[in-house]
Amino acid sequence: MSDETKIELLARYFEGIASEDEVKEIHQWCDESEENRRVFSEIKEIWLISGNVHKNVEPDVNSAWRNVDNKIDRIEKTKQKNNRNLFWYLPRVAAVFVIGFVLYFMYSVNSKSDLVFVKHNSSEAKKVVKLPDGSEVTLNKNTLLEYVKNFEGDSRLVKLDGEAFFDVTKNPDKPFIIKSLKSRIKVLGTSFNYNASSTLKKNSVIVTSGKVEFSNIEGNKSVKLTKGEQGELNLIKGTLEKSLNKNKNYISWKSGIMVFENDTLEDVIRILENYYNIKFEFVNSENKSIKLSVKFENQKLEDVLKILEFTLNLTFQKSSNKILIK
């Protein structure tokens, strides 16, 4: 995003005409670092002082300079009308601040323009990524991970779209923050599974060890999770719930091991769909309640289907992009 675009976005935000997505973008930018939050606060004060909150603003750099010139002209007229009124100084100070705001903000952004962003896309296969701080991230298929090279700044910020298992190196002085489109996680040192695909109706976190704080992207709802606990953010209802994790196969996509103990076939199929990325369909819904105990370990789908057919006396038939269960 260019300097002028950032200035325009902030102007729309303070003017109160920013869209919901633009407001979220500003909040996300503020969350990235203390420096961004400090700049935001200073710009907000400048904007309020300059009296632009309730005026019609064309938020771009050239317009900002024109507004400053117009403001100074008004100042001179005010001074001529009442040269003893001390309040004529305020608009002039505000005008100076507006100039400072434009120059300072552009300088701040430009000084960070040399940051190098690293992207990892797992595409059709799982991928293990070693981060600059020694943390290890295993990406599920079709997952995108982004971060600033060498973790420059006062936090270790990464962005995630998809599902990944994080094993985070502890560093109390530099918190590890993961942001997705709708949610975020803050952690000091722990391991957990985070599913934050932009195509899902919910984001979920299951903690393997340590402690994390899971929240919506606005930050007004959050839960603290420890080992064995799960957090789910419903993106439709906006609810955030905490519970004990009952899914023992939550990282089967990473380990390749699936263990079922007196589980229903419906539950087994749900795990298989996620692992093999294929859809199943029950021809007879009564078969959903069949119970079974079985273990699969890094086996091909064809072998798994043969085992189920033999064990349950059912037929699994491939049909276009799904498998029919008869």
Protein backbone atom coordinates (compact mmCIF):
# COMPACT_ATOMS: atom_id res chain seq x y z
CA MET A 1 0.00 0.00 0.00
CA SER A 2 1.39 3.43 -1.00
CA ASP A 3 1.95 6.34 1.38
CA GLU A 4 -0.90 8.32 -0.18
CA THR A 5 -3.26 5.36 0.14
CA LYS A 6 -2.45 5.03 3.85
CA ILE A 7 -3.02 8.75 4.39
CA GLU A 8 -6.30 8.55 2.48
CA LEU A 9 -7.41 5.56 4.54
CA LEU A 10 -6.60 7.30 7.84
CA ALA A 11 -8.37 10.44 6.66
CA ARG A 12 -11.50 8.45 5.82
CA TYR A 13 -11.26 6.72 9.22
CA PHE A 14 -11.06 9.96 11.22
CA GLU A 15 -13.70 11.56 9.02
CA GLY A 16 -16.07 8.72 9.94
CA ILE A 17 -16.76 7.65 6.36
CA ALA A 18 -14.52 4.57 6.20
CA SER A 19 -16.13 1.28 5.24
CA GLU A 20 -16.22 -1.71 7.61
CA ASP A 21 -13.32 -3.35 5.75
CA GLU A 22 -11.29 -0.12 5.87
CA VAL A 23 -11.89 0.18 9.62
CA LYS A 24 -10.67 -3.39 10.09
CA GLU A 25 -7.60 -2.63 7.98
CA ILE A 26 -6.74 0.31 10.22
CA HIS A 27 -7.19 -1.83 13.35
CA GLN A 28 -4.98 -4.55 11.88
CA TRP A 29 -2.28 -2.01 11.04
CA CYS A 30 -2.39 -0.66 14.61
CA ASP A 31 -2.05 -4.19 15.99
CA GLU A 32 1.14 -4.86 14.06
CA SER A 33 3.43 -2.84 16.34
CA GLU A 34 3.67 -0.30 19.15
CA GLU A 35 5.17 2.15 16.66
CA ASN A 36 2.05 1.97 14.48
CA ARG A 37 -0.18 2.52 17.51
CA ARG A 38 1.90 5.52 18.57
CA VAL A 39 1.72 7.03 15.07
CA PHE A 40 -2.05 6.43 15.00
CA SER A 41 -2.54 8.21 18.34
CA GLU A 42 -0.42 11.17 17.29
CA ILE A 43 -2.20 11.48 13.95
CA LYS A 44 -5.57 11.29 15.68
CA GLU A 45 -4.63 14.16 17.99
CA ILE A 46 -3.38 16.17 15.02
CA TRP A 47 -6.57 15.48 13.09
CA LEU A 48 -8.76 16.56 15.97
CA ILE A 49 -6.74 19.71 16.55
CA SER A 50 -6.87 20.65 12.88
CA GLY A 51 -10.67 20.65 13.00
CA ASN A 52 -11.09 18.26 10.10
CA VAL A 53 -13.26 15.70 11.85
CA HIS A 54 -16.59 17.08 10.61
CA LYS A 55 -15.51 18.75 7.38
CA ASN A 56 -15.57 17.53 3.83
CA VAL A 57 -12.06 16.19 3.24
CA GLU A 58 -10.41 14.99 0.07
CA PRO A 59 -7.88 12.72 1.72
CA ASP A 60 -4.75 12.79 -0.39
CA VAL A 61 -1.35 14.40 -0.01
CA ASN A 62 -1.83 17.24 -2.52
CA SER A 63 -5.18 18.11 -1.01
CA ALA A 64 -3.64 18.11 2.44
CA TRP A 65 -1.18 20.77 1.37
CA ARG A 66 -3.97 22.80 -0.25
CA ASN A 67 -6.03 22.58 2.92
CA VAL A 68 -3.08 23.86 4.91
CA ASP A 69 -2.74 26.88 2.60
CA ASN A 70 -6.45 27.64 2.87
CA LYS A 71 -6.32 27.30 6.63
CA ILE A 72 -3.42 29.77 6.85
CA ASP A 73 -5.41 32.26 4.71
CA ARG A 74 -8.33 31.95 7.11
CA ILE A 75 -5.96 32.48 10.01
CA GLU A 76 -4.74 35.78 8.59
CA LYS A 77 -8.32 37.01 8.10
CA THR A 78 -9.19 36.00 11.64
CA LYS A 79 -6.13 37.80 12.94
CA GLN A 80 -7.14 41.02 11.15
CA LYS A 81 -10.64 40.89 12.64
CA ASN A 82 -9.50 40.33 16.18
CA ASN A 83 -5.78 40.58 16.80
CA ARG A 84 -6.28 40.39 20.57
CA ASN A 85 -8.10 37.05 20.53
CA LEU A 86 -5.61 34.37 21.56
CA PHE A 87 -7.73 31.65 19.93
CA TRP A 88 -6.54 32.67 16.49
CA TYR A 89 -3.29 30.88 17.33
CA LEU A 90 -4.96 27.47 17.52
CA PRO A 91 -5.82 27.03 13.82
CA ARG A 92 -2.31 28.16 12.92
CA VAL A 93 -0.78 25.58 15.24
CA ALA A 94 -3.14 22.99 13.77
CA ALA A 95 -2.03 23.90 10.26
CA VAL A 96 1.59 23.39 11.25
CA PHE A 97 0.65 20.04 12.75
CA VAL A 98 -1.06 19.00 9.51
CA ILE A 99 2.15 19.71 7.63
CA GLY A 100 4.06 17.77 10.24
CA PHE A 101 1.59 14.91 10.01
CA VAL A 102 2.02 14.54 6.26
CA LEU A 103 5.81 14.73 6.39
CA TYR A 104 6.16 12.57 9.50
CA PHE A 105 3.81 9.86 8.30
CA MET A 106 5.45 9.65 4.88
CA TYR A 107 8.88 9.52 6.51
CA SER A 108 7.77 6.81 8.94
CA VAL A 109 6.37 4.64 6.17
CA ASN A 110 9.31 5.20 3.83
CA SER A 111 11.81 4.37 6.56
CA LYS A 112 10.22 0.92 6.78
CA SER A 113 9.82 0.38 3.04
CA ASP A 114 12.95 -1.76 2.94
CA LEU A 115 11.33 -4.49 5.06
CA VAL A 116 11.41 -7.85 3.33
CA PHE A 117 8.27 -10.00 3.60
CA VAL A 118 8.61 -13.76 3.39
CA LYS A 119 5.75 -15.91 2.05
CA HIS A 120 5.30 -19.67 2.24
CA ASN A 121 2.48 -21.38 0.34
CA SER A 122 2.00 -25.10 0.97
CA SER A 123 -0.19 -25.54 -2.12
CA GLU A 124 -0.95 -29.26 -2.61
CA ALA A 125 1.44 -30.68 0.00
CA LYS A 126 2.25 -30.19 3.67
CA LYS A 127 5.24 -27.99 4.38
CA VAL A 128 7.49 -27.40 7.40
CA VAL A 129 8.74 -23.82 7.87
CA LYS A 130 11.53 -22.76 10.23
CA LEU A 131 11.02 -19.18 11.42
CA PRO A 132 13.84 -16.70 12.21
CA ASP A 133 13.40 -17.16 15.99
CA GLY A 134 13.67 -20.95 15.80
CA SER A 135 9.91 -21.56 15.94
CA GLU A 136 8.64 -24.31 13.67
CA VAL A 137 5.41 -24.20 11.69
CA THR A 138 3.86 -27.12 9.84
CA LEU A 139 1.49 -25.91 7.13
CA ASN A 140 -1.45 -28.02 6.02
CA LYS A 141 -2.28 -28.14 2.32
CA ASN A 142 -3.40 -24.90 0.66
CA THR A 143 -2.13 -22.70 3.49
CA LEU A 144 -0.39 -19.33 3.23
CA LEU A 145 2.03 -18.02 5.87
CA GLU A 146 3.58 -14.52 5.79
CA TYR A 147 6.03 -12.71 8.08
CA VAL A 148 8.70 -10.00 8.05
CA LYS A 149 12.18 -11.36 7.47
CA ASN A 150 14.20 -11.61 10.72
CA PHE A 151 11.09 -10.56 12.71
CA GLU A 152 12.03 -6.89 12.74
CA GLY A 153 10.03 -4.83 15.24
CA ASP A 154 8.84 -5.32 18.80
CA SER A 155 6.80 -8.48 18.12
CA ARG A 156 7.00 -11.67 16.08
CA LEU A 157 4.04 -11.13 13.78
CA VAL A 158 2.93 -13.73 11.23
CA LYS A 159 -0.18 -13.87 9.06
CA LEU A 160 -2.02 -17.10 8.31
CA ASP A 161 -4.67 -18.17 5.85
CA GLY A 162 -5.35 -21.88 6.25
CA GLU A 163 -4.39 -24.44 8.89
CA ALA A 164 -1.05 -24.85 10.63
CA PHE A 165 0.56 -26.39 13.70
CA PHE A 166 2.82 -23.99 15.60
CA ASP A 167 5.69 -24.94 17.92
CA VAL A 168 6.74 -21.52 19.21
CA THR A 169 10.10 -20.65 20.78
CA LYS A 170 9.60 -18.82 24.06
CA ASN A 171 10.63 -15.16 24.22
CA PRO A 172 8.76 -13.12 26.88
CA ASP A 173 10.26 -9.86 25.57
CA LYS A 174 8.94 -10.34 22.05
CA PRO A 175 5.41 -11.80 21.91
CA PHE A 176 4.47 -14.12 19.07
CA ILE A 177 1.31 -12.92 17.31
CA ILE A 178 -0.62 -14.74 14.59
CA LYS A 179 -3.23 -12.87 12.60
CA SER A 180 -5.79 -14.20 10.17
CA LEU A 181 -8.56 -12.40 8.35
CA LYS A 182 -11.01 -12.77 11.25
CA SER A 183 -9.04 -13.74 14.37
CA ARG A 184 -5.70 -13.54 16.13
CA ILE A 185 -3.56 -15.38 18.66
CA LYS A 186 -1.00 -14.01 21.11
CA VAL A 187 1.48 -16.44 22.67
CA LEU A 188 4.82 -16.45 24.51
CA GLY A 189 5.87 -20.07 23.99
CA THR A 190 3.68 -23.08 23.30
CA SER A 191 2.43 -25.51 20.65
CA PHE A 192 -1.05 -25.52 19.16
CA ASN A 193 -3.12 -26.12 16.05
CA TYR A 194 -4.69 -23.06 14.42
CA ASN A 195 -7.29 -23.39 11.66
CA ALA A 196 -8.02 -19.97 10.20
CA SER A 197 -8.85 -20.57 6.57
CA SER A 198 -10.66 -17.63 4.97
CA THR A 199 -13.08 -20.11 3.37
CA LEU A 200 -14.38 -21.49 6.69
CA LYS A 201 -17.35 -20.37 8.78
CA LYS A 202 -15.30 -20.60 11.96
CA ASN A 203 -11.73 -20.24 13.22
CA SER A 204 -10.46 -22.70 15.81
CA VAL A 205 -7.46 -23.22 18.08
CA ILE A 206 -6.51 -26.38 20.00
CA VAL A 207 -3.64 -26.07 22.45
CA THR A 208 -1.14 -28.92 22.83
CA SER A 209 1.09 -27.23 25.41
CA GLY A 210 1.52 -23.83 27.05
CA LYS A 211 -0.97 -21.01 26.95
CA VAL A 212 -2.41 -18.74 24.24
CA GLU A 213 -4.84 -15.86 24.01
CA PHE A 214 -7.37 -16.29 21.21
CA SER A 215 -9.48 -13.33 20.07
CA ASN A 216 -11.51 -11.93 17.22
CA ILE A 217 -9.69 -9.48 14.97
CA GLU A 218 -11.37 -6.47 16.63
CA GLY A 219 -9.96 -7.58 19.99
CA ASN A 220 -13.22 -7.08 21.91
CA LYS A 221 -13.72 -10.83 22.52
CA SER A 222 -10.98 -13.12 23.78
CA VAL A 223 -10.33 -16.34 25.71
CA LYS A 224 -7.20 -17.74 27.32
CA LEU A 225 -6.53 -21.38 26.44
CA THR A 226 -4.21 -23.94 28.03
CA LYS A 227 -3.24 -27.54 27.23
CA GLY A 228 -6.20 -29.64 26.12
CA GLU A 229 -8.51 -26.68 25.57
CA GLN A 230 -10.14 -25.46 22.40
CA GLY A 231 -11.37 -22.06 21.26
CA GLU A 232 -13.90 -21.60 18.44
CA LEU A 233 -14.85 -18.31 16.81
CA ASN A 234 -18.10 -18.53 14.88
CA LEU A 235 -17.68 -16.08 11.99
CA ILE A 236 -21.40 -16.01 11.23
CA LYS A 237 -22.75 -15.45 14.74
CA GLY A 238 -19.66 -13.65 16.05
CA THR A 239 -19.54 -15.89 19.14
CA LEU A 240 -16.30 -17.04 20.78
CA GLU A 241 -16.43 -20.19 22.91
CA LYS A 242 -13.96 -22.13 25.03
CA SER A 243 -14.22 -25.89 25.70
CA LEU A 244 -12.24 -29.06 26.33
CA ASN A 245 -10.91 -30.62 23.15
CA LYS A 246 -12.59 -33.94 22.42
CA ASN A 247 -11.08 -34.46 18.98
CA LYS A 248 -8.08 -36.77 19.46
CA ASN A 249 -7.34 -36.61 15.72
CA TYR A 250 -7.04 -32.82 15.49
CA ILE A 251 -3.46 -33.03 14.18
CA SER A 252 -3.87 -36.20 12.12
CA TRP A 253 -3.27 -34.06 9.03
CA LYS A 254 0.24 -33.44 10.42
CA SER A 255 1.08 -36.82 12.02
CA GLY A 256 -0.65 -39.06 9.48
CA ILE A 257 -2.09 -41.09 12.38
CA MET A 258 -5.84 -41.48 12.88
CA VAL A 259 -7.15 -43.39 15.89
CA PHE A 260 -10.81 -44.28 16.37
CA GLU A 261 -12.19 -45.98 19.48
CA ASN A 262 -15.85 -46.94 19.31
CA ASP A 263 -16.55 -43.91 17.11
CA THR A 264 -19.46 -43.64 14.70
CA LEU A 265 -18.77 -44.10 11.01
CA GLU A 266 -20.08 -40.56 10.47
CA ASP A 267 -17.33 -39.18 12.74
CA VAL A 268 -14.71 -41.36 11.06
CA ILE A 269 -15.75 -40.17 7.61
CA ARG A 270 -15.54 -36.52 8.69
CA ILE A 271 -11.89 -37.01 9.66
CA LEU A 272 -11.13 -38.91 6.46
CA GLU A 273 -12.66 -36.12 4.37
CA ASN A 274 -10.36 -33.58 5.95
CA TYR A 275 -7.27 -35.77 5.72
CA TYR A 276 -7.69 -36.98 2.12
CA ASN A 277 -9.45 -33.84 0.88
CA ILE A 278 -12.34 -35.75 -0.68
CA LYS A 279 -16.09 -35.88 -0.07
CA PHE A 280 -18.09 -38.93 1.02
CA GLU A 281 -21.83 -39.48 0.70
CA PHE A 282 -23.97 -41.96 2.63
CA VAL A 283 -26.48 -43.69 0.35
CA ASN A 284 -28.15 -45.15 3.45
CA SER A 285 -28.17 -42.73 6.40
CA GLU A 286 -28.56 -45.62 8.86
CA ASN A 287 -24.91 -46.54 8.25
CA LYS A 288 -23.82 -43.27 9.88
CA SER A 289 -24.38 -44.71 13.36
CA ILE A 290 -22.23 -47.83 12.86
CA LYS A 291 -19.54 -47.97 15.57
CA LEU A 292 -15.95 -49.06 14.94
CA SER A 293 -12.46 -49.03 16.42
CA VAL A 294 -9.55 -48.79 14.00
CA LYS A 295 -6.18 -47.10 13.49
CA PHE A 296 -4.74 -45.73 10.25
CA GLU A 297 -1.13 -44.64 9.94
CA ASN A 298 0.09 -42.88 6.79
CA GLN A 299 -1.97 -45.16 4.56
CA LYS A 300 -3.26 -44.48 1.07
CA LEU A 301 -6.95 -43.79 0.67
CA GLU A 302 -7.45 -46.96 -1.38
CA ASP A 303 -6.03 -49.09 1.46
CA VAL A 304 -8.22 -47.34 4.05
CA LEU A 305 -11.34 -48.00 1.97
CA LYS A 306 -10.48 -51.69 1.59
CA ILE A 307 -10.10 -52.02 5.37
CA LEU A 308 -13.45 -50.35 5.98
CA GLU A 309 -15.20 -52.47 3.36
CA PHE A 310 -13.85 -55.68 4.87
CA THR A 311 -14.54 -54.63 8.47
CA LEU A 312 -18.01 -53.15 8.01
CA ASN A 313 -19.26 -55.18 5.04
CA LEU A 314 -19.94 -51.98 3.10
CA THR A 315 -19.08 -50.82 -0.42
CA PHE A 316 -17.18 -47.61 -1.16
CA GLN A 317 -17.69 -46.53 -4.74
CA LYS A 318 -15.92 -43.60 -6.40
CA SER A 319 -18.25 -41.31 -8.31
CA SER A 320 -16.83 -38.17 -9.97
CA ASN A 321 -15.41 -36.08 -7.12
CA LYS A 322 -16.86 -38.02 -4.19
CA ILE A 323 -17.13 -41.51 -2.73
CA LEU A 324 -20.49 -43.19 -2.24
CA ILE A 325 -20.96 -45.37 0.85
CA LYS A 326 -23.37 -48.24 0.19
